[in-house]
Amino acid sequence: MSYYQHPSAIIDEGAQIGNGTRVWHFVHVCGGAVIGENVSLGQNVFVGNRVIIGDYCKIQNNVSVYDNVILEEGVFCGPSMVFTNVYNPRSLIERKDQYQNTLIKKGATLGANCTIICGITIGKFAFIGAGAVVNKDVSDYALMVGVPAKQIGWMSEFGEQLELPLNGDAETICPHTGNKYRLRDNKVERVKA
């Protein structure tokens, strides 16, 4: 395997790191972590033992990816965003046996300073706005903002808001790529040519 490790980074024995991955200043990767190819782990990132990070993910500075978090391919984690893994933590009560699984699907964006409450799934190419607090599952392509996060629209795979209503039946074209998107039964899908 060929990856870059800054001299200040700590990678525990047993960690699996793919080709082309960059591990920057003061990162700590625990021994059970599985990290794909061409991933970027920014300054001061922590990656737990029971974590899977897919190819081409970008994890910006000051993000901790705790146990039971799975990031599929191409997930973007903005600076200082937060994952949790216990729903009701207490310092005086150990709850390591209560970790909940969190799944972030392909191509999703988690904006700077957002918080993802454990036990949920963020759909593919969903977009979580900066500072949002997400406490329930998010649909594919959904645009979520606020505290708690509410859906305000739909996003293309390119990362632009689509001109679609929140529900109903409709179609639109991404002006940047020409890709067609269809809304039906409160779900968006990209229509393959």
N, C-alpha and C. Protein backbone atom coordinates (compact mmCIF):
# COMPACT_ATOMS: atom_id res chain seq x y z
N MET A 1 0.85 -1.19 0.00
CA MET A 1 0.00 0.00 0.00
C MET A 1 0.88 1.24 0.00
N SER A 2 0.43 2.24 -0.70
CA SER A 2 1.19 3.48 -0.81
C SER A 2 0.28 4.65 -0.45
N TYR A 3 0.52 5.25 0.71
CA TYR A 3 -0.25 6.42 1.15
C TYR A 3 0.71 7.39 1.83
N TYR A 4 0.24 8.65 1.99
CA TYR A 4 1.07 9.67 2.64
C TYR A 4 0.66 9.77 4.10
N GLN A 5 1.66 9.80 4.98
CA GLN A 5 1.43 10.00 6.41
C GLN A 5 2.32 11.12 6.89
N HIS A 6 1.71 12.20 7.40
CA HIS A 6 2.51 13.28 7.98
C HIS A 6 3.24 12.75 9.21
N PRO A 7 4.45 13.24 9.48
CA PRO A 7 5.22 12.73 10.64
C PRO A 7 4.49 12.85 11.98
N SER A 8 3.58 13.81 12.12
CA SER A 8 2.88 13.98 13.40
C SER A 8 1.66 13.05 13.53
N ALA A 9 1.28 12.38 12.46
CA ALA A 9 0.10 11.50 12.49
C ALA A 9 0.44 10.17 13.17
N ILE A 10 -0.55 9.59 13.85
CA ILE A 10 -0.41 8.29 14.51
C ILE A 10 -1.35 7.31 13.82
N ILE A 11 -0.78 6.25 13.28
CA ILE A 11 -1.58 5.18 12.67
C ILE A 11 -1.27 3.91 13.44
N ASP A 12 -2.26 3.42 14.19
CA ASP A 12 -2.05 2.23 15.01
C ASP A 12 -1.89 0.99 14.14
N GLU A 13 -1.12 0.04 14.66
CA GLU A 13 -0.89 -1.22 13.96
C GLU A 13 -2.22 -1.90 13.68
N GLY A 14 -2.38 -2.39 12.46
CA GLY A 14 -3.59 -3.09 12.05
C GLY A 14 -4.52 -2.26 11.20
N ALA A 15 -4.38 -0.95 11.23
CA ALA A 15 -5.25 -0.10 10.40
C ALA A 15 -5.01 -0.40 8.93
N GLN A 16 -6.07 -0.44 8.16
CA GLN A 16 -5.97 -0.68 6.72
C GLN A 16 -6.22 0.65 6.00
N ILE A 17 -5.22 1.08 5.21
CA ILE A 17 -5.31 2.37 4.53
C ILE A 17 -4.98 2.15 3.06
N GLY A 18 -5.87 2.63 2.18
CA GLY A 18 -5.75 2.41 0.76
C GLY A 18 -4.75 3.31 0.06
N ASN A 19 -4.40 2.92 -1.16
CA ASN A 19 -3.45 3.66 -1.98
C ASN A 19 -3.93 5.09 -2.23
N GLY A 20 -2.98 6.02 -2.23
CA GLY A 20 -3.28 7.40 -2.56
C GLY A 20 -3.93 8.20 -1.44
N THR A 21 -4.15 7.59 -0.30
CA THR A 21 -4.77 8.30 0.83
C THR A 21 -3.74 9.22 1.46
N ARG A 22 -4.22 10.37 1.96
CA ARG A 22 -3.36 11.36 2.61
C ARG A 22 -3.81 11.53 4.05
N VAL A 23 -2.87 11.33 4.98
CA VAL A 23 -3.13 11.42 6.42
C VAL A 23 -2.33 12.60 6.93
N TRP A 24 -3.01 13.70 7.25
CA TRP A 24 -2.34 14.96 7.55
C TRP A 24 -1.99 15.13 9.03
N HIS A 25 -1.63 16.33 9.42
CA HIS A 25 -1.09 16.67 10.75
C HIS A 25 -1.99 16.21 11.89
N PHE A 26 -1.41 15.59 12.89
CA PHE A 26 -2.05 15.26 14.17
C PHE A 26 -3.27 14.35 14.02
N VAL A 27 -3.33 13.56 12.97
CA VAL A 27 -4.41 12.59 12.79
C VAL A 27 -4.10 11.36 13.63
N HIS A 28 -5.14 10.71 14.17
CA HIS A 28 -4.99 9.43 14.86
C HIS A 28 -5.96 8.44 14.23
N VAL A 29 -5.42 7.37 13.66
CA VAL A 29 -6.22 6.29 13.08
C VAL A 29 -6.04 5.06 13.96
N CYS A 30 -7.12 4.55 14.52
CA CYS A 30 -7.05 3.36 15.38
C CYS A 30 -6.85 2.10 14.55
N GLY A 31 -6.35 1.06 15.20
CA GLY A 31 -5.91 -0.16 14.53
C GLY A 31 -6.98 -0.94 13.80
N GLY A 32 -8.24 -0.80 14.16
CA GLY A 32 -9.29 -1.55 13.49
C GLY A 32 -9.94 -0.83 12.33
N ALA A 33 -9.52 0.39 12.06
CA ALA A 33 -10.14 1.20 11.00
C ALA A 33 -9.82 0.65 9.62
N VAL A 34 -10.78 0.79 8.71
CA VAL A 34 -10.59 0.42 7.31
C VAL A 34 -10.86 1.68 6.48
N ILE A 35 -9.82 2.15 5.78
CA ILE A 35 -9.89 3.39 5.01
C ILE A 35 -9.56 3.08 3.57
N GLY A 36 -10.39 3.56 2.66
CA GLY A 36 -10.24 3.25 1.25
C GLY A 36 -9.13 4.02 0.56
N GLU A 37 -9.18 4.02 -0.76
CA GLU A 37 -8.18 4.68 -1.58
C GLU A 37 -8.53 6.15 -1.81
N ASN A 38 -7.47 6.95 -1.97
CA ASN A 38 -7.62 8.37 -2.31
C ASN A 38 -8.50 9.14 -1.34
N VAL A 39 -8.37 8.83 -0.06
CA VAL A 39 -9.09 9.52 1.02
C VAL A 39 -8.18 10.62 1.54
N SER A 40 -8.78 11.72 1.98
CA SER A 40 -8.02 12.79 2.64
C SER A 40 -8.51 12.93 4.06
N LEU A 41 -7.60 12.76 5.02
CA LEU A 41 -7.91 12.95 6.44
C LEU A 41 -7.20 14.22 6.88
N GLY A 42 -7.96 15.30 7.08
CA GLY A 42 -7.41 16.60 7.42
C GLY A 42 -6.82 16.65 8.82
N GLN A 43 -6.25 17.81 9.12
CA GLN A 43 -5.58 18.01 10.41
C GLN A 43 -6.50 17.70 11.58
N ASN A 44 -5.97 16.98 12.56
CA ASN A 44 -6.66 16.69 13.82
C ASN A 44 -7.89 15.80 13.66
N VAL A 45 -7.88 14.92 12.68
CA VAL A 45 -8.97 13.96 12.51
C VAL A 45 -8.70 12.73 13.37
N PHE A 46 -9.74 12.17 13.96
CA PHE A 46 -9.67 10.92 14.71
C PHE A 46 -10.56 9.90 14.01
N VAL A 47 -10.05 8.67 13.83
CA VAL A 47 -10.81 7.58 13.22
C VAL A 47 -10.79 6.39 14.18
N GLY A 48 -11.97 5.97 14.62
CA GLY A 48 -12.10 4.90 15.60
C GLY A 48 -11.83 3.52 15.02
N ASN A 49 -11.87 2.51 15.90
CA ASN A 49 -11.59 1.12 15.53
C ASN A 49 -12.62 0.51 14.60
N ARG A 50 -13.89 0.73 14.89
CA ARG A 50 -14.97 0.11 14.12
C ARG A 50 -15.55 1.13 13.15
N VAL A 51 -14.68 1.60 12.26
CA VAL A 51 -15.05 2.62 11.27
C VAL A 51 -14.65 2.11 9.89
N ILE A 52 -15.50 2.35 8.90
CA ILE A 52 -15.17 2.07 7.50
C ILE A 52 -15.34 3.36 6.73
N ILE A 53 -14.30 3.75 6.01
CA ILE A 53 -14.32 4.96 5.20
C ILE A 53 -14.05 4.54 3.76
N GLY A 54 -15.00 4.83 2.87
CA GLY A 54 -14.89 4.43 1.48
C GLY A 54 -13.91 5.27 0.68
N ASP A 55 -13.66 4.83 -0.55
CA ASP A 55 -12.76 5.53 -1.46
C ASP A 55 -13.22 6.97 -1.69
N TYR A 56 -12.27 7.86 -1.91
CA TYR A 56 -12.49 9.25 -2.31
C TYR A 56 -13.25 10.08 -1.29
N CYS A 57 -13.28 9.68 -0.03
CA CYS A 57 -13.90 10.52 1.00
C CYS A 57 -12.94 11.65 1.37
N LYS A 58 -13.50 12.79 1.75
CA LYS A 58 -12.71 13.92 2.23
C LYS A 58 -13.23 14.28 3.61
N ILE A 59 -12.36 14.14 4.60
CA ILE A 59 -12.73 14.45 5.97
C ILE A 59 -11.88 15.65 6.38
N GLN A 60 -12.53 16.79 6.54
CA GLN A 60 -11.84 18.04 6.81
C GLN A 60 -11.35 18.11 8.26
N ASN A 61 -10.67 19.19 8.59
CA ASN A 61 -10.03 19.34 9.90
C ASN A 61 -11.02 19.19 11.06
N ASN A 62 -10.51 18.62 12.16
CA ASN A 62 -11.20 18.56 13.46
C ASN A 62 -12.47 17.72 13.44
N VAL A 63 -12.46 16.61 12.70
CA VAL A 63 -13.61 15.70 12.68
C VAL A 63 -13.21 14.39 13.35
N SER A 64 -14.07 13.89 14.25
CA SER A 64 -13.87 12.59 14.87
C SER A 64 -14.90 11.62 14.31
N VAL A 65 -14.40 10.54 13.68
CA VAL A 65 -15.28 9.52 13.13
C VAL A 65 -15.26 8.36 14.11
N TYR A 66 -16.29 8.28 14.93
CA TYR A 66 -16.32 7.32 16.02
C TYR A 66 -16.78 5.94 15.58
N ASP A 67 -16.59 4.95 16.47
CA ASP A 67 -17.00 3.57 16.20
C ASP A 67 -18.44 3.51 15.68
N ASN A 68 -18.65 2.56 14.78
CA ASN A 68 -19.97 2.24 14.20
C ASN A 68 -20.43 3.26 13.17
N VAL A 69 -19.50 4.07 12.65
CA VAL A 69 -19.82 4.98 11.55
C VAL A 69 -19.25 4.39 10.26
N ILE A 70 -20.07 4.34 9.22
CA ILE A 70 -19.64 3.88 7.90
C ILE A 70 -19.88 5.01 6.91
N LEU A 71 -18.83 5.37 6.19
CA LEU A 71 -18.92 6.36 5.12
C LEU A 71 -18.72 5.61 3.80
N GLU A 72 -19.70 5.66 2.93
CA GLU A 72 -19.52 5.05 1.62
C GLU A 72 -18.64 5.94 0.75
N GLU A 73 -18.47 5.57 -0.50
CA GLU A 73 -17.58 6.27 -1.42
C GLU A 73 -17.97 7.75 -1.57
N GLY A 74 -16.94 8.61 -1.59
CA GLY A 74 -17.12 10.00 -1.96
C GLY A 74 -17.89 10.86 -0.99
N VAL A 75 -17.87 10.54 0.29
CA VAL A 75 -18.55 11.36 1.31
C VAL A 75 -17.64 12.53 1.68
N PHE A 76 -18.23 13.71 1.81
CA PHE A 76 -17.52 14.91 2.25
C PHE A 76 -17.96 15.26 3.66
N CYS A 77 -17.00 15.33 4.59
CA CYS A 77 -17.26 15.73 5.97
C CYS A 77 -16.62 17.10 6.18
N GLY A 78 -17.43 18.13 6.34
CA GLY A 78 -16.93 19.50 6.48
C GLY A 78 -16.20 19.71 7.79
N PRO A 79 -15.45 20.82 7.88
CA PRO A 79 -14.65 21.11 9.07
C PRO A 79 -15.50 21.10 10.35
N SER A 80 -14.98 20.43 11.36
CA SER A 80 -15.55 20.41 12.71
C SER A 80 -16.97 19.86 12.79
N MET A 81 -17.40 19.08 11.77
CA MET A 81 -18.71 18.43 11.91
C MET A 81 -18.58 17.30 12.92
N VAL A 82 -19.72 16.83 13.45
CA VAL A 82 -19.71 15.92 14.60
C VAL A 82 -20.55 14.67 14.31
N PHE A 83 -19.95 13.52 14.60
CA PHE A 83 -20.69 12.25 14.67
C PHE A 83 -20.85 11.89 16.14
N THR A 84 -21.96 11.22 16.47
CA THR A 84 -22.11 10.65 17.81
C THR A 84 -22.28 9.14 17.64
N ASN A 85 -22.10 8.38 18.72
CA ASN A 85 -22.36 6.94 18.61
C ASN A 85 -23.17 6.38 19.77
N VAL A 86 -23.47 7.22 20.75
CA VAL A 86 -24.36 6.84 21.86
C VAL A 86 -25.44 7.90 21.94
N TYR A 87 -26.69 7.46 22.02
CA TYR A 87 -27.81 8.42 22.00
C TYR A 87 -27.93 9.22 23.29
N ASN A 88 -27.65 8.60 24.42
CA ASN A 88 -27.82 9.28 25.72
C ASN A 88 -26.58 9.11 26.59
N PRO A 89 -25.45 9.71 26.21
CA PRO A 89 -24.19 9.50 26.94
C PRO A 89 -24.20 10.11 28.33
N ARG A 90 -23.51 9.43 29.24
CA ARG A 90 -23.24 9.93 30.59
C ARG A 90 -21.80 9.56 30.94
N SER A 91 -21.10 10.44 31.55
CA SER A 91 -19.72 10.17 31.95
C SER A 91 -19.64 9.07 33.00
N LEU A 92 -20.64 9.01 33.88
CA LEU A 92 -20.60 8.06 35.00
C LEU A 92 -21.19 6.70 34.66
N ILE A 93 -21.74 6.55 33.45
CA ILE A 93 -22.35 5.28 33.04
C ILE A 93 -21.73 4.85 31.72
N GLU A 94 -21.09 3.67 31.72
CA GLU A 94 -20.49 3.18 30.49
C GLU A 94 -21.55 2.60 29.58
N ARG A 95 -21.54 3.06 28.32
CA ARG A 95 -22.55 2.61 27.35
C ARG A 95 -21.91 2.13 26.06
N LYS A 96 -20.70 1.59 26.15
CA LYS A 96 -20.02 1.13 24.94
C LYS A 96 -20.77 -0.01 24.25
N ASP A 97 -21.62 -0.72 24.98
CA ASP A 97 -22.41 -1.79 24.39
C ASP A 97 -23.68 -1.25 23.72
N GLN A 98 -23.86 0.07 23.76
CA GLN A 98 -25.05 0.69 23.18
C GLN A 98 -24.73 1.55 21.96
N TYR A 99 -23.53 1.41 21.41
CA TYR A 99 -23.19 2.16 20.20
C TYR A 99 -24.22 1.87 19.11
N GLN A 100 -24.64 2.90 18.41
CA GLN A 100 -25.59 2.74 17.32
C GLN A 100 -24.90 2.96 15.98
N ASN A 101 -25.35 2.25 14.97
CA ASN A 101 -24.75 2.35 13.64
C ASN A 101 -25.24 3.59 12.91
N THR A 102 -24.32 4.26 12.24
CA THR A 102 -24.64 5.41 11.41
C THR A 102 -24.05 5.14 10.03
N LEU A 103 -24.88 5.31 8.99
CA LEU A 103 -24.47 5.05 7.62
C LEU A 103 -24.63 6.32 6.81
N ILE A 104 -23.54 6.75 6.17
CA ILE A 104 -23.57 7.90 5.27
C ILE A 104 -23.33 7.33 3.86
N LYS A 105 -24.32 7.46 3.00
CA LYS A 105 -24.25 6.81 1.68
C LYS A 105 -23.45 7.63 0.67
N LYS A 106 -23.17 6.99 -0.43
CA LYS A 106 -22.30 7.52 -1.49
C LYS A 106 -22.60 8.97 -1.85
N GLY A 107 -21.53 9.78 -1.89
CA GLY A 107 -21.61 11.13 -2.41
C GLY A 107 -22.25 12.17 -1.52
N ALA A 108 -22.65 11.80 -0.29
CA ALA A 108 -23.31 12.77 0.59
C ALA A 108 -22.32 13.83 1.07
N THR A 109 -22.84 15.02 1.35
CA THR A 109 -22.06 16.12 1.91
C THR A 109 -22.60 16.44 3.29
N LEU A 110 -21.70 16.50 4.27
CA LEU A 110 -22.04 16.88 5.63
C LEU A 110 -21.34 18.21 5.90
N GLY A 111 -22.09 19.30 5.94
CA GLY A 111 -21.52 20.64 6.02
C GLY A 111 -20.79 20.93 7.31
N ALA A 112 -20.00 21.99 7.28
CA ALA A 112 -19.20 22.41 8.43
C ALA A 112 -20.07 22.56 9.67
N ASN A 113 -19.57 22.04 10.79
CA ASN A 113 -20.21 22.17 12.10
C ASN A 113 -21.58 21.52 12.22
N CYS A 114 -21.98 20.68 11.26
CA CYS A 114 -23.25 19.96 11.44
C CYS A 114 -23.03 18.83 12.44
N THR A 115 -24.13 18.32 12.99
CA THR A 115 -24.09 17.21 13.94
C THR A 115 -25.00 16.10 13.42
N ILE A 116 -24.46 14.88 13.38
CA ILE A 116 -25.22 13.72 12.94
C ILE A 116 -25.46 12.83 14.17
N ILE A 117 -26.71 12.77 14.61
CA ILE A 117 -27.06 11.94 15.76
C ILE A 117 -26.99 10.48 15.33
N CYS A 118 -26.48 9.62 16.19
CA CYS A 118 -26.23 8.22 15.85
C CYS A 118 -27.52 7.46 15.53
N GLY A 119 -27.34 6.37 14.79
CA GLY A 119 -28.44 5.45 14.51
C GLY A 119 -29.25 5.79 13.28
N ILE A 120 -28.74 6.69 12.44
CA ILE A 120 -29.51 7.10 11.26
C ILE A 120 -28.73 6.81 9.98
N THR A 121 -29.44 6.95 8.86
CA THR A 121 -28.85 6.80 7.53
C THR A 121 -29.05 8.10 6.77
N ILE A 122 -27.97 8.60 6.19
CA ILE A 122 -28.02 9.76 5.30
C ILE A 122 -27.96 9.20 3.88
N GLY A 123 -28.93 9.52 3.06
CA GLY A 123 -29.05 8.97 1.72
C GLY A 123 -27.97 9.45 0.77
N LYS A 124 -27.86 8.75 -0.37
CA LYS A 124 -26.82 9.07 -1.34
C LYS A 124 -27.04 10.48 -1.92
N PHE A 125 -25.94 11.19 -2.05
CA PHE A 125 -25.89 12.55 -2.59
C PHE A 125 -26.76 13.54 -1.83
N ALA A 126 -27.15 13.19 -0.60
CA ALA A 126 -27.85 14.16 0.26
C ALA A 126 -26.88 15.28 0.62
N PHE A 127 -27.42 16.41 1.03
CA PHE A 127 -26.60 17.58 1.36
C PHE A 127 -27.08 18.14 2.68
N ILE A 128 -26.23 18.07 3.71
CA ILE A 128 -26.56 18.58 5.04
C ILE A 128 -25.89 19.94 5.18
N GLY A 129 -26.68 20.99 5.38
CA GLY A 129 -26.14 22.34 5.47
C GLY A 129 -25.29 22.55 6.72
N ALA A 130 -24.45 23.57 6.65
CA ALA A 130 -23.57 23.91 7.77
C ALA A 130 -24.39 24.17 9.03
N GLY A 131 -23.97 23.60 10.14
CA GLY A 131 -24.61 23.83 11.43
C GLY A 131 -25.88 23.06 11.69
N ALA A 132 -26.35 22.27 10.75
CA ALA A 132 -27.60 21.52 10.93
C ALA A 132 -27.41 20.41 11.97
N VAL A 133 -28.50 20.03 12.62
CA VAL A 133 -28.49 18.89 13.54
C VAL A 133 -29.47 17.86 12.99
N VAL A 134 -28.92 16.73 12.54
CA VAL A 134 -29.73 15.70 11.88
C VAL A 134 -30.02 14.58 12.88
N ASN A 135 -31.31 14.36 13.15
CA ASN A 135 -31.70 13.36 14.15
C ASN A 135 -32.65 12.30 13.59
N LYS A 136 -32.77 12.25 12.25
CA LYS A 136 -33.60 11.21 11.62
C LYS A 136 -33.03 10.91 10.25
N ASP A 137 -33.46 9.80 9.67
CA ASP A 137 -32.97 9.39 8.35
C ASP A 137 -33.22 10.49 7.31
N VAL A 138 -32.33 10.57 6.34
CA VAL A 138 -32.40 11.57 5.28
C VAL A 138 -32.48 10.85 3.94
N SER A 139 -33.39 11.28 3.09
CA SER A 139 -33.59 10.67 1.77
C SER A 139 -32.43 10.96 0.83
N ASP A 140 -32.26 10.11 -0.18
CA ASP A 140 -31.30 10.38 -1.25
C ASP A 140 -31.59 11.76 -1.84
N TYR A 141 -30.55 12.52 -2.12
CA TYR A 141 -30.60 13.83 -2.79
C TYR A 141 -31.26 14.94 -1.97
N ALA A 142 -31.64 14.69 -0.73
CA ALA A 142 -32.34 15.71 0.07
C ALA A 142 -31.38 16.80 0.52
N LEU A 143 -31.88 18.04 0.57
CA LEU A 143 -31.16 19.19 1.11
C LEU A 143 -31.76 19.51 2.46
N MET A 144 -30.93 19.42 3.52
CA MET A 144 -31.39 19.56 4.89
C MET A 144 -30.67 20.72 5.57
N VAL A 145 -31.42 21.58 6.29
CA VAL A 145 -30.81 22.68 7.04
C VAL A 145 -31.56 22.85 8.35
N GLY A 146 -30.91 23.52 9.32
CA GLY A 146 -31.56 23.93 10.55
C GLY A 146 -31.38 22.99 11.72
N VAL A 147 -31.99 23.41 12.85
CA VAL A 147 -31.91 22.68 14.11
C VAL A 147 -33.31 22.54 14.67
N PRO A 148 -33.90 21.33 14.71
CA PRO A 148 -33.40 20.13 14.04
C PRO A 148 -33.52 20.30 12.52
N ALA A 149 -32.75 19.51 11.79
CA ALA A 149 -32.71 19.64 10.33
C ALA A 149 -34.06 19.33 9.70
N LYS A 150 -34.41 20.18 8.74
CA LYS A 150 -35.64 20.00 7.97
C LYS A 150 -35.27 20.06 6.49
N GLN A 151 -36.00 19.30 5.69
CA GLN A 151 -35.72 19.31 4.26
C GLN A 151 -36.30 20.57 3.63
N ILE A 152 -35.44 21.25 2.81
CA ILE A 152 -35.90 22.46 2.11
C ILE A 152 -35.80 22.31 0.59
N GLY A 153 -35.29 21.17 0.12
CA GLY A 153 -35.16 20.99 -1.31
C GLY A 153 -34.44 19.71 -1.66
N TRP A 154 -33.95 19.67 -2.91
CA TRP A 154 -33.26 18.51 -3.45
C TRP A 154 -31.97 18.97 -4.11
N MET A 155 -30.94 18.13 -4.09
CA MET A 155 -29.64 18.46 -4.67
C MET A 155 -29.26 17.47 -5.77
N SER A 156 -28.54 17.97 -6.77
CA SER A 156 -28.02 17.10 -7.83
C SER A 156 -26.74 16.42 -7.37
N GLU A 157 -26.30 15.44 -8.12
CA GLU A 157 -25.02 14.79 -7.82
C GLU A 157 -23.86 15.77 -7.98
N PHE A 158 -24.05 16.79 -8.80
CA PHE A 158 -23.04 17.82 -9.01
C PHE A 158 -22.92 18.75 -7.81
N GLY A 159 -23.98 18.81 -6.97
CA GLY A 159 -23.95 19.65 -5.79
C GLY A 159 -24.68 20.97 -5.96
N GLU A 160 -25.66 21.00 -6.84
CA GLU A 160 -26.48 22.19 -7.07
C GLU A 160 -27.93 21.88 -6.72
N GLN A 161 -28.64 22.90 -6.18
CA GLN A 161 -30.04 22.68 -5.84
C GLN A 161 -30.86 22.50 -7.11
N LEU A 162 -31.72 21.49 -7.07
CA LEU A 162 -32.59 21.17 -8.21
C LEU A 162 -33.91 21.92 -8.08
N GLU A 163 -34.48 22.30 -9.20
CA GLU A 163 -35.78 22.98 -9.21
C GLU A 163 -36.88 21.93 -9.20
N LEU A 164 -37.11 21.39 -8.01
CA LEU A 164 -38.15 20.38 -7.80
C LEU A 164 -38.93 20.75 -6.55
N PRO A 165 -40.24 20.47 -6.51
CA PRO A 165 -40.98 20.67 -5.27
C PRO A 165 -40.56 19.64 -4.23
N LEU A 166 -40.94 19.86 -2.98
CA LEU A 166 -40.59 18.89 -1.93
C LEU A 166 -41.31 17.57 -2.14
N ASN A 167 -42.51 17.59 -2.71
CA ASN A 167 -43.23 16.34 -2.97
C ASN A 167 -44.06 16.49 -4.24
N GLY A 168 -44.68 15.40 -4.64
CA GLY A 168 -45.43 15.38 -5.88
C GLY A 168 -44.67 14.62 -6.94
N ASP A 169 -45.02 14.87 -8.20
CA ASP A 169 -44.34 14.25 -9.33
C ASP A 169 -43.80 15.36 -10.22
N ALA A 170 -42.50 15.29 -10.52
CA ALA A 170 -41.88 16.33 -11.35
C ALA A 170 -40.57 15.81 -11.90
N GLU A 171 -40.05 16.50 -12.92
CA GLU A 171 -38.74 16.20 -13.48
C GLU A 171 -38.00 17.50 -13.71
N THR A 172 -36.68 17.44 -13.70
CA THR A 172 -35.85 18.61 -13.99
C THR A 172 -34.51 18.15 -14.52
N ILE A 173 -33.77 19.10 -15.06
CA ILE A 173 -32.44 18.84 -15.61
C ILE A 173 -31.43 19.64 -14.81
N CYS A 174 -30.30 19.03 -14.44
CA CYS A 174 -29.20 19.76 -13.80
C CYS A 174 -28.56 20.64 -14.87
N PRO A 175 -28.54 21.97 -14.67
CA PRO A 175 -28.00 22.85 -15.71
C PRO A 175 -26.49 22.68 -15.94
N HIS A 176 -25.79 22.12 -14.99
CA HIS A 176 -24.33 21.95 -15.12
C HIS A 176 -23.94 20.69 -15.86
N THR A 177 -24.73 19.65 -15.70
CA THR A 177 -24.35 18.35 -16.28
C THR A 177 -25.31 17.87 -17.35
N GLY A 178 -26.52 18.40 -17.36
CA GLY A 178 -27.54 17.91 -18.28
C GLY A 178 -28.22 16.64 -17.80
N ASN A 179 -27.85 16.16 -16.62
CA ASN A 179 -28.48 14.95 -16.08
C ASN A 179 -29.93 15.24 -15.69
N LYS A 180 -30.78 14.26 -15.92
CA LYS A 180 -32.20 14.39 -15.63
C LYS A 180 -32.51 13.74 -14.27
N TYR A 181 -33.36 14.42 -13.49
CA TYR A 181 -33.79 13.93 -12.18
C TYR A 181 -35.30 13.88 -12.14
N ARG A 182 -35.83 12.82 -11.50
CA ARG A 182 -37.27 12.62 -11.41
C ARG A 182 -37.69 12.51 -9.94
N LEU A 183 -38.71 13.28 -9.57
CA LEU A 183 -39.33 13.18 -8.25
C LEU A 183 -40.63 12.42 -8.39
N ARG A 184 -40.74 11.33 -7.64
CA ARG A 184 -41.96 10.53 -7.65
C ARG A 184 -42.09 9.88 -6.28
N ASP A 185 -43.28 9.93 -5.70
CA ASP A 185 -43.55 9.33 -4.38
C ASP A 185 -42.57 9.85 -3.32
N ASN A 186 -42.30 11.16 -3.35
CA ASN A 186 -41.41 11.83 -2.38
C ASN A 186 -39.98 11.30 -2.41
N LYS A 187 -39.55 10.76 -3.54
CA LYS A 187 -38.19 10.30 -3.70
C LYS A 187 -37.65 10.83 -5.02
N VAL A 188 -36.37 11.22 -4.99
CA VAL A 188 -35.70 11.69 -6.22
C VAL A 188 -34.75 10.61 -6.68
N GLU A 189 -34.69 10.43 -7.99
CA GLU A 189 -33.72 9.55 -8.59
C GLU A 189 -33.17 10.19 -9.84
N ARG A 190 -31.93 9.87 -10.15
CA ARG A 190 -31.36 10.32 -11.40
C ARG A 190 -31.81 9.38 -12.50
N VAL A 191 -32.29 9.90 -13.59
CA VAL A 191 -32.77 9.11 -14.70
C VAL A 191 -31.58 8.83 -15.61
N LYS A 192 -31.25 7.58 -15.76
CA LYS A 192 -30.12 7.20 -16.63
C LYS A 192 -30.54 7.29 -18.09
N ALA A 193 -29.65 7.84 -18.91
CA ALA A 193 -29.96 8.01 -20.35
C ALA A 193 -29.94 6.69 -21.08
